[in-house]
Amino acid sequence: MIRLQNICKRYPESGEILAQIDLQLDDGEMCFLTGPSGSGKSTLLKVIALIEAPTRGKLYFDERNVTGLNKSSISSFRKKMGLVFQDHRLLNDRNVFENVALPLRINGFNPKDIPRRVRAALDKVNLLNKEKSSPISLSGGEQQRVGIARAIVHRPRLLLADEPTGNLDPELSADIMKLFLDFNQIGVTALIASHDVSLITGFNKKILNLDNGRLVN
C-alpha cells in the first residue's frame, strides 16, 4: 500500500531530520514506529500524510508516485487516510457529534448519511452517549477516543497515529491501542508512532525503530 524510497527531509534551521528511509507498509498491515524524542517519528508521519514534502526520495501509494501531487490531488489522497494526534485537536466550540462529523462535511458526504456514520464511529469507541457533550467536559482518554472516531468516520484505508497515548496512564493507553487493533482486524492499515516500547511489544506487531532520522534494526 505505502512504499517510501530513499526519503530524506532537511530543514534549513535544524538540518537533516530523516535520512534514506526505505519502508513498505502492506495493505492490512499494522506497524508501530518507535524511537527517542526528536528521532523523526512525527516528521515521517507528516511526510506519509503529505503534510510535509520530502527533500529527496519518493512516496508511493498503491504503486502510484504521490510525491509531487498538487494541492487538489493531495486533498483527494488524504480522503483515504485518518490522522490521530497526541493533542487531540478537537474544536471546543462544537460538541462531540460535530467534531466527528467535520471530515464528512468537509469532504462533501451526503448530509443524510452523516448522522449514521458519526454514531457508528462513536459507538466503536464507546462514546455514543457523549455525542452532545463539549470536548472540554471529557477526560483525556475520552478526548483521544473522539479524535480516533473523527479519524475513522469516513472509513479510511490507512490510519496514521502520532503518539496517541502520550498523555494517558498505562490502563487508558492499552485501551487506546486495543482500539487500533480492532480497526486493523477489519482491514484498516495502521502505522502508529509511540515511545512506549513496553506497551507496543505486547501486541505482536512489526516494530520499526527510528534513531537520528534513520531506521535501525
C-alpha atoms as a PDB file:
ATOM      1  CA  MET A   1       0.000   0.000   0.000  1.00  0.00           C
ATOM      2  CA  ILE A   2       2.578   2.578   1.159  1.00  0.00           C
ATOM      3  CA  ARG A   3       6.171   2.495  -0.009  1.00  0.00           C
ATOM      4  CA  LEU A   4       8.909   5.002   0.813  1.00  0.00           C
ATOM      5  CA  GLN A   5      12.017   5.028  -1.318  1.00  0.00           C
ATOM      6  CA  ASN A   6      15.139   6.836  -0.054  1.00  0.00           C
ATOM      7  CA  ILE A   7      13.101   9.502   1.752  1.00  0.00           C
ATOM      8  CA  CYS A   8      15.121  12.373   3.217  1.00  0.00           C
ATOM      9  CA  LYS A   9      13.862  15.514   4.956  1.00  0.00           C
ATOM     10  CA  ARG A  10      16.018  18.512   5.760  1.00  0.00           C
ATOM     11  CA  TYR A  11      15.058  21.815   7.347  1.00  0.00           C
ATOM     12  CA  PRO A  12      17.312  24.862   6.910  1.00  0.00           C
ATOM     13  CA  GLU A  13      17.256  25.670  10.634  1.00  0.00           C
ATOM     14  CA  SER A  14      17.663  22.157  12.058  1.00  0.00           C
ATOM     15  CA  GLY A  15      19.390  20.116   9.375  1.00  0.00           C
ATOM     16  CA  GLU A  16      18.523  16.593   8.294  1.00  0.00           C
ATOM     17  CA  ILE A  17      15.611  15.046  10.216  1.00  0.00           C
ATOM     18  CA  LEU A  18      15.067  11.953   8.031  1.00  0.00           C
ATOM     19  CA  ALA A  19      17.819  10.172   6.116  1.00  0.00           C
ATOM     20  CA  GLN A  20      17.471   7.455   3.468  1.00  0.00           C
ATOM     21  CA  ILE A  21      14.216   5.978   4.732  1.00  0.00           C
ATOM     22  CA  ASP A  22      13.109   2.853   2.876  1.00  0.00           C
ATOM     23  CA  LEU A  23       9.830   1.494   4.190  1.00  0.00           C
ATOM     24  CA  GLN A  24       6.941  -0.625   2.958  1.00  0.00           C
ATOM     25  CA  LEU A  25       3.569  -0.965   4.660  1.00  0.00           C
ATOM     26  CA  ASP A  26       1.362  -3.593   3.057  1.00  0.00           C
ATOM     27  CA  ASP A  27      -2.391  -3.398   2.714  1.00  0.00           C
ATOM     28  CA  GLY A  28      -3.977  -4.510   6.004  1.00  0.00           C
ATOM     29  CA  GLU A  29      -0.710  -4.399   7.937  1.00  0.00           C
ATOM     30  CA  MET A  30      -0.223  -2.765  11.332  1.00  0.00           C
ATOM     31  CA  CYS A  31       3.159  -1.414  12.411  1.00  0.00           C
ATOM     32  CA  PHE A  32       4.498   0.549  15.342  1.00  0.00           C
ATOM     33  CA  LEU A  33       7.110   3.275  14.880  1.00  0.00           C
ATOM     34  CA  THR A  34       9.273   3.948  17.904  1.00  0.00           C
ATOM     35  CA  GLY A  35      12.371   5.896  18.821  1.00  0.00           C
ATOM     36  CA  PRO A  36      13.581   8.593  21.214  1.00  0.00           C
ATOM     37  CA  SER A  37      12.169  12.110  21.253  1.00  0.00           C
ATOM     38  CA  GLY A  38      13.490  14.030  18.268  1.00  0.00           C
ATOM     39  CA  SER A  39      14.249  10.907  16.250  1.00  0.00           C
ATOM     40  CA  GLY A  40      11.923  11.976  13.408  1.00  0.00           C
ATOM     41  CA  LYS A  41       8.762   9.963  14.097  1.00  0.00           C
ATOM     42  CA  SER A  42       6.353  12.879  13.698  1.00  0.00           C
ATOM     43  CA  THR A  43       8.150  14.127  10.598  1.00  0.00           C
ATOM     44  CA  LEU A  44       7.947  10.704   8.969  1.00  0.00           C
ATOM     45  CA  LEU A  45       4.197  10.519   9.559  1.00  0.00           C
ATOM     46  CA  LYS A  46       3.786  14.034   8.140  1.00  0.00           C
ATOM     47  CA  VAL A  47       5.696  13.016   5.010  1.00  0.00           C
ATOM     48  CA  ILE A  48       3.459   9.963   4.538  1.00  0.00           C
ATOM     49  CA  ALA A  49       0.364  12.155   5.003  1.00  0.00           C
ATOM     50  CA  LEU A  50       1.799  14.699   2.527  1.00  0.00           C
ATOM     51  CA  ILE A  51       1.658  17.377   5.216  1.00  0.00           C
ATOM     52  CA  GLU A  52       5.394  17.783   4.632  1.00  0.00           C
ATOM     53  CA  ALA A  53       7.140  17.262   1.303  1.00  0.00           C
ATOM     54  CA  PRO A  54      10.339  15.201   1.390  1.00  0.00           C
ATOM     55  CA  THR A  55      13.568  16.904   0.425  1.00  0.00           C
ATOM     56  CA  ARG A  56      14.537  13.829  -1.589  1.00  0.00           C
ATOM     57  CA  GLY A  57      13.060  10.439  -2.334  1.00  0.00           C
ATOM     58  CA  LYS A  58       9.708   9.092  -3.456  1.00  0.00           C
ATOM     59  CA  LEU A  59       6.459   8.107  -1.757  1.00  0.00           C
ATOM     60  CA  TYR A  60       4.158   5.565  -3.397  1.00  0.00           C
ATOM     61  CA  PHE A  61       0.536   4.769  -2.558  1.00  0.00           C
ATOM     62  CA  ASP A  62      -0.797   1.650  -4.304  1.00  0.00           C
ATOM     63  CA  GLU A  63       2.302   1.870  -6.517  1.00  0.00           C
ATOM     64  CA  ARG A  64       1.372   5.381  -7.649  1.00  0.00           C
ATOM     65  CA  ASN A  65       4.062   8.018  -7.104  1.00  0.00           C
ATOM     66  CA  VAL A  66       2.313  10.644  -4.954  1.00  0.00           C
ATOM     67  CA  THR A  67       5.414  12.638  -4.055  1.00  0.00           C
ATOM     68  CA  GLY A  68       4.722  15.694  -6.178  1.00  0.00           C
ATOM     69  CA  LEU A  69       0.939  15.956  -6.092  1.00  0.00           C
ATOM     70  CA  ASN A  70      -0.711  19.369  -6.357  1.00  0.00           C
ATOM     71  CA  LYS A  71      -2.961  20.678  -3.572  1.00  0.00           C
ATOM     72  CA  SER A  72      -6.229  19.371  -5.001  1.00  0.00           C
ATOM     73  CA  SER A  73      -4.736  15.918  -5.563  1.00  0.00           C
ATOM     74  CA  ILE A  74      -3.295  15.904  -2.028  1.00  0.00           C
ATOM     75  CA  SER A  75      -6.774  16.625  -0.674  1.00  0.00           C
ATOM     76  CA  SER A  76      -8.142  13.648  -2.603  1.00  0.00           C
ATOM     77  CA  PHE A  77      -5.277  11.452  -1.380  1.00  0.00           C
ATOM     78  CA  ARG A  78      -5.940  12.363   2.263  1.00  0.00           C
ATOM     79  CA  LYS A  79      -9.538  11.158   1.983  1.00  0.00           C
ATOM     80  CA  LYS A  80      -8.055   7.660   2.043  1.00  0.00           C
ATOM     81  CA  MET A  81      -6.422   8.165   5.446  1.00  0.00           C
ATOM     82  CA  GLY A  82      -7.264   9.068   9.003  1.00  0.00           C
ATOM     83  CA  LEU A  83      -4.937  11.061  11.252  1.00  0.00           C
ATOM     84  CA  VAL A  84      -4.786  10.847  15.044  1.00  0.00           C
ATOM     85  CA  PHE A  85      -2.755  13.368  17.021  1.00  0.00           C
ATOM     86  CA  GLN A  86      -1.431  13.314  20.588  1.00  0.00           C
ATOM     87  CA  ASP A  87      -3.068  16.660  21.409  1.00  0.00           C
ATOM     88  CA  HIS A  88      -6.499  15.613  20.034  1.00  0.00           C
ATOM     89  CA  ARG A  89      -7.026  18.887  18.093  1.00  0.00           C
ATOM     90  CA  LEU A  90     -10.723  18.961  18.912  1.00  0.00           C
ATOM     91  CA  LEU A  91     -12.804  22.100  18.408  1.00  0.00           C
ATOM     92  CA  ASN A  92     -14.144  23.257  21.766  1.00  0.00           C
ATOM     93  CA  ASP A  93     -16.855  25.426  20.180  1.00  0.00           C
ATOM     94  CA  ARG A  94     -18.518  22.282  18.763  1.00  0.00           C
ATOM     95  CA  ASN A  95     -19.924  19.269  20.534  1.00  0.00           C
ATOM     96  CA  VAL A  96     -18.590  15.741  20.142  1.00  0.00           C
ATOM     97  CA  PHE A  97     -21.002  14.889  17.335  1.00  0.00           C
ATOM     98  CA  GLU A  98     -19.929  17.901  15.260  1.00  0.00           C
ATOM     99  CA  ASN A  99     -16.234  17.262  15.867  1.00  0.00           C
ATOM    100  CA  VAL A 100     -16.581  13.752  14.498  1.00  0.00           C
ATOM    101  CA  ALA A 101     -18.798  14.935  11.620  1.00  0.00           C
ATOM    102  CA  LEU A 102     -16.287  17.563  10.489  1.00  0.00           C
ATOM    103  CA  PRO A 103     -14.339  15.390   7.970  1.00  0.00           C
ATOM    104  CA  LEU A 104     -17.609  14.244   6.411  1.00  0.00           C
ATOM    105  CA  ARG A 105     -18.854  17.801   5.967  1.00  0.00           C
ATOM    106  CA  ILE A 106     -15.517  18.997   4.572  1.00  0.00           C
ATOM    107  CA  ASN A 107     -15.384  16.116   2.089  1.00  0.00           C
ATOM    108  CA  GLY A 108     -18.933  16.615   0.849  1.00  0.00           C
ATOM    109  CA  PHE A 109     -20.620  13.481   2.163  1.00  0.00           C
ATOM    110  CA  ASN A 110     -24.375  13.266   1.763  1.00  0.00           C
ATOM    111  CA  PRO A 111     -25.875  15.120   4.790  1.00  0.00           C
ATOM    112  CA  LYS A 112     -28.430  12.333   5.200  1.00  0.00           C
ATOM    113  CA  ASP A 113     -25.611   9.816   5.770  1.00  0.00           C
ATOM    114  CA  ILE A 114     -23.684  11.889   8.312  1.00  0.00           C
ATOM    115  CA  PRO A 115     -25.682  11.055  11.492  1.00  0.00           C
ATOM    116  CA  ARG A 116     -25.466   7.317  10.830  1.00  0.00           C
ATOM    117  CA  ARG A 117     -21.729   7.434  10.148  1.00  0.00           C
ATOM    118  CA  VAL A 118     -20.957   9.632  13.145  1.00  0.00           C
ATOM    119  CA  ARG A 119     -22.933   7.483  15.563  1.00  0.00           C
ATOM    120  CA  ALA A 120     -21.366   4.305  14.192  1.00  0.00           C
ATOM    121  CA  ALA A 121     -17.893   5.786  14.760  1.00  0.00           C
ATOM    122  CA  LEU A 122     -18.767   6.947  18.282  1.00  0.00           C
ATOM    123  CA  ASP A 123     -20.198   3.522  19.056  1.00  0.00           C
ATOM    124  CA  LYS A 124     -16.926   1.874  18.025  1.00  0.00           C
ATOM    125  CA  VAL A 125     -15.025   3.967  20.580  1.00  0.00           C
ATOM    126  CA  ASN A 126     -17.738   3.539  23.263  1.00  0.00           C
ATOM    127  CA  LEU A 127     -18.767   7.210  23.322  1.00  0.00           C
ATOM    128  CA  LEU A 128     -22.215   7.125  21.779  1.00  0.00           C
ATOM    129  CA  ASN A 129     -23.675   8.588  24.979  1.00  0.00           C
ATOM    130  CA  LYS A 130     -21.342  11.620  24.729  1.00  0.00           C
ATOM    131  CA  GLU A 131     -22.378  12.942  21.317  1.00  0.00           C
ATOM    132  CA  LYS A 132     -23.898  16.152  22.753  1.00  0.00           C
ATOM    133  CA  SER A 133     -21.055  16.807  25.195  1.00  0.00           C
ATOM    134  CA  SER A 134     -18.458  19.535  24.846  1.00  0.00           C
ATOM    135  CA  PRO A 135     -14.902  18.208  24.359  1.00  0.00           C
ATOM    136  CA  ILE A 136     -13.664  20.181  27.374  1.00  0.00           C
ATOM    137  CA  SER A 137     -16.058  18.246  29.617  1.00  0.00           C
ATOM    138  CA  LEU A 138     -14.400  14.934  28.702  1.00  0.00           C
ATOM    139  CA  SER A 139     -11.433  13.184  30.256  1.00  0.00           C
ATOM    140  CA  GLY A 140      -8.150  12.953  28.356  1.00  0.00           C
ATOM    141  CA  GLY A 141      -8.866   9.376  27.335  1.00  0.00           C
ATOM    142  CA  GLU A 142     -12.341  10.287  26.122  1.00  0.00           C
ATOM    143  CA  GLN A 143     -10.977  13.210  24.103  1.00  0.00           C
ATOM    144  CA  GLN A 144      -8.487  10.889  22.449  1.00  0.00           C
ATOM    145  CA  ARG A 145     -11.255   8.448  21.569  1.00  0.00           C
ATOM    146  CA  VAL A 146     -13.235  11.301  19.992  1.00  0.00           C
ATOM    147  CA  GLY A 147     -10.136  12.058  17.926  1.00  0.00           C
ATOM    148  CA  ILE A 148      -9.995   8.424  16.839  1.00  0.00           C
ATOM    149  CA  ALA A 149     -13.703   8.419  15.929  1.00  0.00           C
ATOM    150  CA  ARG A 150     -13.113  11.519  13.802  1.00  0.00           C
ATOM    151  CA  ALA A 151     -10.176   9.803  12.093  1.00  0.00           C
ATOM    152  CA  ILE A 152     -12.142   6.673  11.147  1.00  0.00           C
ATOM    153  CA  VAL A 153     -15.615   8.133  10.493  1.00  0.00           C
ATOM    154  CA  HIS A 154     -15.010   8.236   6.713  1.00  0.00           C
ATOM    155  CA  ARG A 155     -13.700   4.639   6.757  1.00  0.00           C
ATOM    156  CA  PRO A 156     -10.099   5.301   5.694  1.00  0.00           C
ATOM    157  CA  ARG A 157      -7.834   2.647   4.270  1.00  0.00           C
ATOM    158  CA  LEU A 158      -4.811   3.995   6.161  1.00  0.00           C
ATOM    159  CA  LEU A 159      -4.676   5.190   9.764  1.00  0.00           C
ATOM    160  CA  LEU A 160      -1.694   7.229  10.995  1.00  0.00           C
ATOM    161  CA  ALA A 161      -1.372   7.980  14.711  1.00  0.00           C
ATOM    162  CA  ASP A 162       1.284  10.197  16.286  1.00  0.00           C
ATOM    163  CA  GLU A 163       1.899   9.307  19.953  1.00  0.00           C
ATOM    164  CA  PRO A 164      -1.831   8.727  20.581  1.00  0.00           C
ATOM    165  CA  THR A 165      -1.217   7.557  24.163  1.00  0.00           C
ATOM    166  CA  GLY A 166       1.495  10.045  25.126  1.00  0.00           C
ATOM    167  CA  ASN A 167      -0.589  11.839  27.765  1.00  0.00           C
ATOM    168  CA  LEU A 168      -2.528   8.857  29.108  1.00  0.00           C
ATOM    169  CA  ASP A 169      -1.969   6.484  32.016  1.00  0.00           C
ATOM    170  CA  PRO A 170      -0.975   2.854  31.286  1.00  0.00           C
ATOM    171  CA  GLU A 171      -4.505   1.423  31.513  1.00  0.00           C
ATOM    172  CA  LEU A 172      -6.004   4.023  29.177  1.00  0.00           C
ATOM    173  CA  SER A 173      -3.023   3.657  26.832  1.00  0.00           C
ATOM    174  CA  ALA A 174      -3.682  -0.066  26.497  1.00  0.00           C
ATOM    175  CA  ASP A 175      -7.369   0.608  25.788  1.00  0.00           C
ATOM    176  CA  ILE A 176      -6.488   3.061  23.013  1.00  0.00           C
ATOM    177  CA  MET A 177      -4.029   0.642  21.425  1.00  0.00           C
ATOM    178  CA  LYS A 178      -6.650  -2.115  21.504  1.00  0.00           C
ATOM    179  CA  LEU A 179      -8.957   0.164  19.532  1.00  0.00           C
ATOM    180  CA  PHE A 180      -6.323   0.401  16.811  1.00  0.00           C
ATOM    181  CA  LEU A 181      -6.010  -3.380  16.828  1.00  0.00           C
ATOM    182  CA  ASP A 182      -9.777  -3.675  16.392  1.00  0.00           C
ATOM    183  CA  PHE A 183      -9.697  -1.379  13.354  1.00  0.00           C
ATOM    184  CA  ASN A 184      -6.777  -3.297  11.910  1.00  0.00           C
ATOM    185  CA  GLN A 185      -8.682  -6.561  12.270  1.00  0.00           C
ATOM    186  CA  ILE A 186     -11.387  -5.220   9.950  1.00  0.00           C
ATOM    187  CA  GLY A 187      -8.825  -4.309   7.306  1.00  0.00           C
ATOM    188  CA  VAL A 188      -7.560  -0.816   8.164  1.00  0.00           C
ATOM    189  CA  THR A 189      -3.820  -0.415   7.572  1.00  0.00           C
ATOM    190  CA  ALA A 190      -2.196   1.325  10.552  1.00  0.00           C
ATOM    191  CA  LEU A 191       1.116   2.988  11.397  1.00  0.00           C
ATOM    192  CA  ILE A 192       1.337   4.175  14.993  1.00  0.00           C
ATOM    193  CA  ALA A 193       4.205   6.190  16.454  1.00  0.00           C
ATOM    194  CA  SER A 194       4.857   5.526  20.130  1.00  0.00           C
ATOM    195  CA  HIS A 195       7.753   5.928  22.540  1.00  0.00           C
ATOM    196  CA  ASP A 196       6.199   3.375  24.921  1.00  0.00           C
ATOM    197  CA  VAL A 197       8.167   0.268  23.989  1.00  0.00           C
ATOM    198  CA  SER A 198       6.847  -1.765  26.932  1.00  0.00           C
ATOM    199  CA  LEU A 199       3.285  -1.202  25.688  1.00  0.00           C
ATOM    200  CA  ILE A 200       3.734  -1.916  21.988  1.00  0.00           C
ATOM    201  CA  THR A 201       5.893  -5.031  22.378  1.00  0.00           C
ATOM    202  CA  GLY A 202       2.891  -6.871  23.816  1.00  0.00           C
ATOM    203  CA  PHE A 203       0.869  -6.679  20.594  1.00  0.00           C
ATOM    204  CA  ASN A 204       2.927  -8.990  18.370  1.00  0.00           C
ATOM    205  CA  LYS A 205       3.156  -6.481  15.514  1.00  0.00           C
ATOM    206  CA  LYS A 206       6.111  -5.244  13.497  1.00  0.00           C
ATOM    207  CA  ILE A 207       8.108  -2.530  15.285  1.00  0.00           C
ATOM    208  CA  LEU A 208      10.167  -0.028  13.306  1.00  0.00           C
ATOM    209  CA  ASN A 209      12.929   1.738  15.213  1.00  0.00           C
ATOM    210  CA  LEU A 210      13.907   5.277  14.227  1.00  0.00           C
ATOM    211  CA  ASP A 211      17.105   6.821  15.582  1.00  0.00           C
ATOM    212  CA  ASN A 212      18.542  10.159  14.424  1.00  0.00           C
ATOM    213  CA  GLY A 213      16.336  10.069  11.352  1.00  0.00           C
ATOM    214  CA  ARG A 214      17.329   6.573  10.252  1.00  0.00           C
ATOM    215  CA  LEU A 215      15.559   3.229  10.529  1.00  0.00           C
ATOM    216  CA  VAL A 216      17.698   0.823  12.549  1.00  0.00           C
ATOM    217  CA  ASN A 217      17.372  -2.863  13.377  1.00  0.00           C
END
